[in-house]
Amino acid sequence: VRDAIMGYDISDYDITTNASLDEIKLVFSSDKVKEYSNKITLCIIKNHEHIEVTPFKGKTIVEDLSNRDFTINSIAYDLKEIIEKNNK
């Protein structure tokens, strides 16, 4: 989201979802899936693109953003609007 807002070329994708790791693996079962050693993120390799997929850190996207420790990572886009962490 940050790169898109700043007009940079997008070189990778980071997605968060309310799906579990097992559900993510099932959805991408026909693609190459790499599980990182942290056991909380999957890398989906599709058409030579690397897409990192992580379940929410919390129950909602807003809770997920609140659990991130860097302000620049506290934004998301849900294909309708930009969602920001309340930094108060």
N, C-alpha and C. Protein backbone atom coordinates (compact mmCIF):
# COMPACT_ATOMS: atom_id res chain seq x y z
N VAL A 1 0.84 -1.19 0.00
CA VAL A 1 0.00 0.00 0.00
C VAL A 1 0.88 1.24 0.00
N ARG A 2 1.90 1.23 0.84
CA ARG A 2 2.81 2.39 0.92
C ARG A 2 3.42 2.70 -0.43
N ASP A 3 3.93 1.69 -1.14
CA ASP A 3 4.57 1.93 -2.44
C ASP A 3 3.57 2.47 -3.45
N ALA A 4 2.35 1.95 -3.44
CA ALA A 4 1.32 2.43 -4.37
C ALA A 4 0.98 3.89 -4.09
N ILE A 5 0.85 4.25 -2.82
CA ILE A 5 0.54 5.64 -2.46
C ILE A 5 1.65 6.58 -2.91
N MET A 6 2.89 6.11 -2.79
CA MET A 6 4.03 6.96 -3.13
C MET A 6 4.36 6.92 -4.62
N GLY A 7 3.63 6.10 -5.39
CA GLY A 7 3.85 6.04 -6.83
C GLY A 7 5.01 5.17 -7.26
N TYR A 8 5.51 4.32 -6.36
CA TYR A 8 6.63 3.42 -6.69
C TYR A 8 6.11 2.18 -7.39
N ASP A 9 7.00 1.54 -8.15
CA ASP A 9 6.66 0.24 -8.72
C ASP A 9 6.49 -0.74 -7.57
N ILE A 10 5.52 -1.60 -7.69
CA ILE A 10 5.26 -2.59 -6.64
C ILE A 10 6.08 -3.83 -6.96
N SER A 11 6.96 -4.23 -6.02
CA SER A 11 7.84 -5.37 -6.26
C SER A 11 7.43 -6.61 -5.48
N ASP A 12 6.59 -6.45 -4.48
CA ASP A 12 6.12 -7.62 -3.74
C ASP A 12 4.77 -7.29 -3.12
N TYR A 13 4.10 -8.31 -2.68
CA TYR A 13 2.77 -8.14 -2.11
C TYR A 13 2.73 -8.78 -0.72
N ASP A 14 2.17 -8.07 0.23
CA ASP A 14 1.97 -8.57 1.58
C ASP A 14 0.48 -8.50 1.87
N ILE A 15 -0.10 -9.64 2.16
CA ILE A 15 -1.54 -9.73 2.37
C ILE A 15 -1.80 -10.28 3.77
N THR A 16 -2.80 -9.72 4.44
CA THR A 16 -3.25 -10.28 5.70
C THR A 16 -4.71 -10.67 5.54
N THR A 17 -5.12 -11.68 6.27
CA THR A 17 -6.45 -12.25 6.08
C THR A 17 -6.97 -12.83 7.39
N ASN A 18 -8.28 -13.01 7.46
CA ASN A 18 -8.84 -13.67 8.63
C ASN A 18 -8.81 -15.19 8.49
N ALA A 19 -8.24 -15.69 7.41
CA ALA A 19 -8.10 -17.14 7.20
C ALA A 19 -6.92 -17.68 8.01
N SER A 20 -7.01 -18.94 8.40
CA SER A 20 -5.90 -19.60 9.10
C SER A 20 -4.84 -20.04 8.09
N LEU A 21 -3.66 -20.42 8.58
CA LEU A 21 -2.61 -20.90 7.69
C LEU A 21 -3.10 -22.10 6.88
N ASP A 22 -3.81 -23.02 7.52
CA ASP A 22 -4.32 -24.19 6.81
C ASP A 22 -5.31 -23.80 5.72
N GLU A 23 -6.16 -22.82 6.00
CA GLU A 23 -7.12 -22.36 4.99
C GLU A 23 -6.40 -21.69 3.82
N ILE A 24 -5.37 -20.92 4.13
CA ILE A 24 -4.58 -20.26 3.07
C ILE A 24 -3.92 -21.32 2.19
N LYS A 25 -3.33 -22.34 2.81
CA LYS A 25 -2.69 -23.42 2.04
C LYS A 25 -3.70 -24.10 1.13
N LEU A 26 -4.91 -24.31 1.62
CA LEU A 26 -5.95 -24.95 0.83
C LEU A 26 -6.33 -24.09 -0.38
N VAL A 27 -6.49 -22.79 -0.17
CA VAL A 27 -6.85 -21.88 -1.26
C VAL A 27 -5.77 -21.87 -2.35
N PHE A 28 -4.51 -21.95 -1.93
CA PHE A 28 -3.40 -21.88 -2.88
C PHE A 28 -2.77 -23.26 -3.13
N SER A 29 -3.55 -24.32 -3.00
CA SER A 29 -3.01 -25.68 -3.11
C SER A 29 -2.41 -25.98 -4.49
N SER A 30 -2.82 -25.28 -5.52
CA SER A 30 -2.27 -25.53 -6.86
C SER A 30 -1.02 -24.68 -7.14
N ASP A 31 -0.62 -23.85 -6.18
CA ASP A 31 0.58 -23.02 -6.33
C ASP A 31 1.68 -23.51 -5.40
N LYS A 32 2.89 -23.04 -5.65
CA LYS A 32 4.00 -23.37 -4.75
C LYS A 32 3.83 -22.53 -3.48
N VAL A 33 3.84 -23.19 -2.33
CA VAL A 33 3.66 -22.52 -1.04
C VAL A 33 4.87 -22.82 -0.17
N LYS A 34 5.50 -21.77 0.32
CA LYS A 34 6.66 -21.91 1.20
C LYS A 34 6.26 -21.37 2.57
N GLU A 35 6.49 -22.16 3.61
CA GLU A 35 6.20 -21.70 4.97
C GLU A 35 7.49 -21.19 5.59
N TYR A 36 7.47 -19.95 6.04
CA TYR A 36 8.66 -19.37 6.67
C TYR A 36 8.89 -20.00 8.04
N SER A 37 10.11 -19.90 8.51
CA SER A 37 10.47 -20.50 9.80
C SER A 37 9.72 -19.87 10.97
N ASN A 38 9.20 -18.64 10.79
CA ASN A 38 8.46 -18.00 11.88
C ASN A 38 7.10 -18.67 12.11
N LYS A 39 6.68 -19.53 11.18
CA LYS A 39 5.43 -20.30 11.28
C LYS A 39 4.18 -19.43 11.32
N ILE A 40 4.30 -18.15 10.92
CA ILE A 40 3.11 -17.29 10.90
C ILE A 40 2.86 -16.67 9.53
N THR A 41 3.77 -16.89 8.58
CA THR A 41 3.63 -16.31 7.26
C THR A 41 3.92 -17.36 6.20
N LEU A 42 3.11 -17.33 5.13
CA LEU A 42 3.34 -18.19 3.99
C LEU A 42 3.76 -17.34 2.80
N CYS A 43 4.60 -17.88 1.96
CA CYS A 43 4.97 -17.22 0.72
C CYS A 43 4.36 -18.04 -0.41
N ILE A 44 3.48 -17.41 -1.16
CA ILE A 44 2.85 -18.04 -2.30
C ILE A 44 3.62 -17.59 -3.54
N ILE A 45 4.08 -18.53 -4.32
CA ILE A 45 4.82 -18.19 -5.55
C ILE A 45 3.89 -18.49 -6.72
N LYS A 46 3.48 -17.42 -7.38
CA LYS A 46 2.49 -17.53 -8.46
C LYS A 46 2.98 -16.67 -9.62
N ASN A 47 3.16 -17.27 -10.77
CA ASN A 47 3.63 -16.54 -11.95
C ASN A 47 4.91 -15.75 -11.66
N HIS A 48 5.82 -16.36 -10.95
CA HIS A 48 7.12 -15.76 -10.59
C HIS A 48 6.99 -14.58 -9.63
N GLU A 49 5.82 -14.34 -9.08
CA GLU A 49 5.59 -13.29 -8.08
C GLU A 49 5.59 -13.94 -6.70
N HIS A 50 6.14 -13.24 -5.73
CA HIS A 50 6.12 -13.71 -4.35
C HIS A 50 5.07 -12.92 -3.59
N ILE A 51 4.13 -13.63 -3.01
CA ILE A 51 3.05 -13.01 -2.27
C ILE A 51 3.10 -13.55 -0.84
N GLU A 52 3.36 -12.68 0.12
CA GLU A 52 3.40 -13.11 1.52
C GLU A 52 2.01 -12.96 2.12
N VAL A 53 1.52 -14.04 2.74
CA VAL A 53 0.18 -14.05 3.31
C VAL A 53 0.30 -14.42 4.79
N THR A 54 -0.28 -13.58 5.64
CA THR A 54 -0.23 -13.77 7.09
C THR A 54 -1.64 -13.62 7.67
N PRO A 55 -2.05 -14.54 8.54
CA PRO A 55 -3.34 -14.35 9.22
C PRO A 55 -3.30 -13.08 10.09
N PHE A 56 -4.49 -12.49 10.30
CA PHE A 56 -4.58 -11.32 11.16
C PHE A 56 -3.91 -11.56 12.51
N LYS A 57 -3.29 -10.50 13.04
CA LYS A 57 -2.83 -10.47 14.43
C LYS A 57 -3.95 -9.81 15.21
N GLY A 58 -4.98 -10.55 15.51
CA GLY A 58 -6.20 -10.04 16.11
C GLY A 58 -7.37 -10.58 15.32
N LYS A 59 -8.58 -10.12 15.62
CA LYS A 59 -9.77 -10.65 14.95
C LYS A 59 -10.19 -9.85 13.72
N THR A 60 -9.72 -8.61 13.61
CA THR A 60 -10.12 -7.74 12.49
C THR A 60 -8.89 -7.07 11.91
N ILE A 61 -9.05 -6.44 10.76
CA ILE A 61 -7.94 -5.72 10.14
C ILE A 61 -7.50 -4.55 11.03
N VAL A 62 -8.43 -3.89 11.70
CA VAL A 62 -8.07 -2.78 12.58
C VAL A 62 -7.23 -3.29 13.76
N GLU A 63 -7.61 -4.42 14.34
CA GLU A 63 -6.80 -5.01 15.43
C GLU A 63 -5.44 -5.42 14.90
N ASP A 64 -5.39 -5.98 13.70
CA ASP A 64 -4.12 -6.37 13.10
C ASP A 64 -3.20 -5.16 12.98
N LEU A 65 -3.72 -4.07 12.44
CA LEU A 65 -2.91 -2.86 12.28
C LEU A 65 -2.44 -2.31 13.62
N SER A 66 -3.27 -2.43 14.64
CA SER A 66 -2.90 -1.94 15.98
C SER A 66 -1.77 -2.75 16.58
N ASN A 67 -1.59 -3.98 16.13
CA ASN A 67 -0.54 -4.84 16.65
C ASN A 67 0.78 -4.69 15.91
N ARG A 68 0.82 -3.84 14.92
CA ARG A 68 2.07 -3.62 14.17
C ARG A 68 2.87 -2.52 14.86
N ASP A 69 4.19 -2.66 14.82
CA ASP A 69 5.02 -1.75 15.59
C ASP A 69 5.59 -0.58 14.79
N PHE A 70 5.37 -0.51 13.50
CA PHE A 70 5.85 0.61 12.71
C PHE A 70 4.66 1.32 12.07
N THR A 71 4.61 2.62 12.19
CA THR A 71 3.50 3.38 11.62
C THR A 71 3.37 3.14 10.13
N ILE A 72 4.46 3.06 9.40
CA ILE A 72 4.39 2.89 7.96
C ILE A 72 3.73 1.56 7.60
N ASN A 73 3.79 0.57 8.47
CA ASN A 73 3.14 -0.71 8.22
C ASN A 73 1.72 -0.73 8.74
N SER A 74 1.23 0.38 9.23
CA SER A 74 -0.08 0.42 9.86
C SER A 74 -1.16 0.90 8.91
N ILE A 75 -1.00 0.60 7.64
CA ILE A 75 -2.02 0.93 6.66
C ILE A 75 -2.35 -0.31 5.86
N ALA A 76 -3.58 -0.36 5.41
CA ALA A 76 -4.05 -1.48 4.60
C ALA A 76 -5.01 -0.94 3.55
N TYR A 77 -5.25 -1.74 2.55
CA TYR A 77 -6.19 -1.37 1.50
C TYR A 77 -7.08 -2.56 1.24
N ASP A 78 -8.40 -2.37 1.32
CA ASP A 78 -9.32 -3.50 1.15
C ASP A 78 -10.05 -3.47 -0.19
N LEU A 79 -9.44 -2.89 -1.20
CA LEU A 79 -9.97 -2.72 -2.56
C LEU A 79 -11.09 -1.69 -2.63
N LYS A 80 -11.41 -1.05 -1.50
CA LYS A 80 -12.40 0.03 -1.49
C LYS A 80 -11.81 1.29 -0.88
N GLU A 81 -11.06 1.12 0.21
CA GLU A 81 -10.54 2.28 0.93
C GLU A 81 -9.26 1.92 1.66
N ILE A 82 -8.51 2.96 2.02
CA ILE A 82 -7.31 2.78 2.83
C ILE A 82 -7.76 2.75 4.29
N ILE A 83 -7.24 1.78 5.03
CA ILE A 83 -7.54 1.63 6.44
C ILE A 83 -6.28 1.95 7.20
N GLU A 84 -6.36 2.83 8.18
CA GLU A 84 -5.19 3.23 8.95
C GLU A 84 -5.35 2.88 10.41
N LYS A 85 -4.21 2.60 11.04
CA LYS A 85 -4.19 2.38 12.48
C LYS A 85 -4.38 3.72 13.18
N ASN A 86 -5.16 3.72 14.24
CA ASN A 86 -5.33 4.92 15.07
C ASN A 86 -4.07 5.06 15.90
N ASN A 87 -3.27 6.08 15.64
CA ASN A 87 -1.97 6.24 16.30
C ASN A 87 -2.05 7.07 17.57
N LYS A 88 -3.21 7.14 18.19
CA LYS A 88 -3.34 7.93 19.43
C LYS A 88 -2.79 7.19 20.60
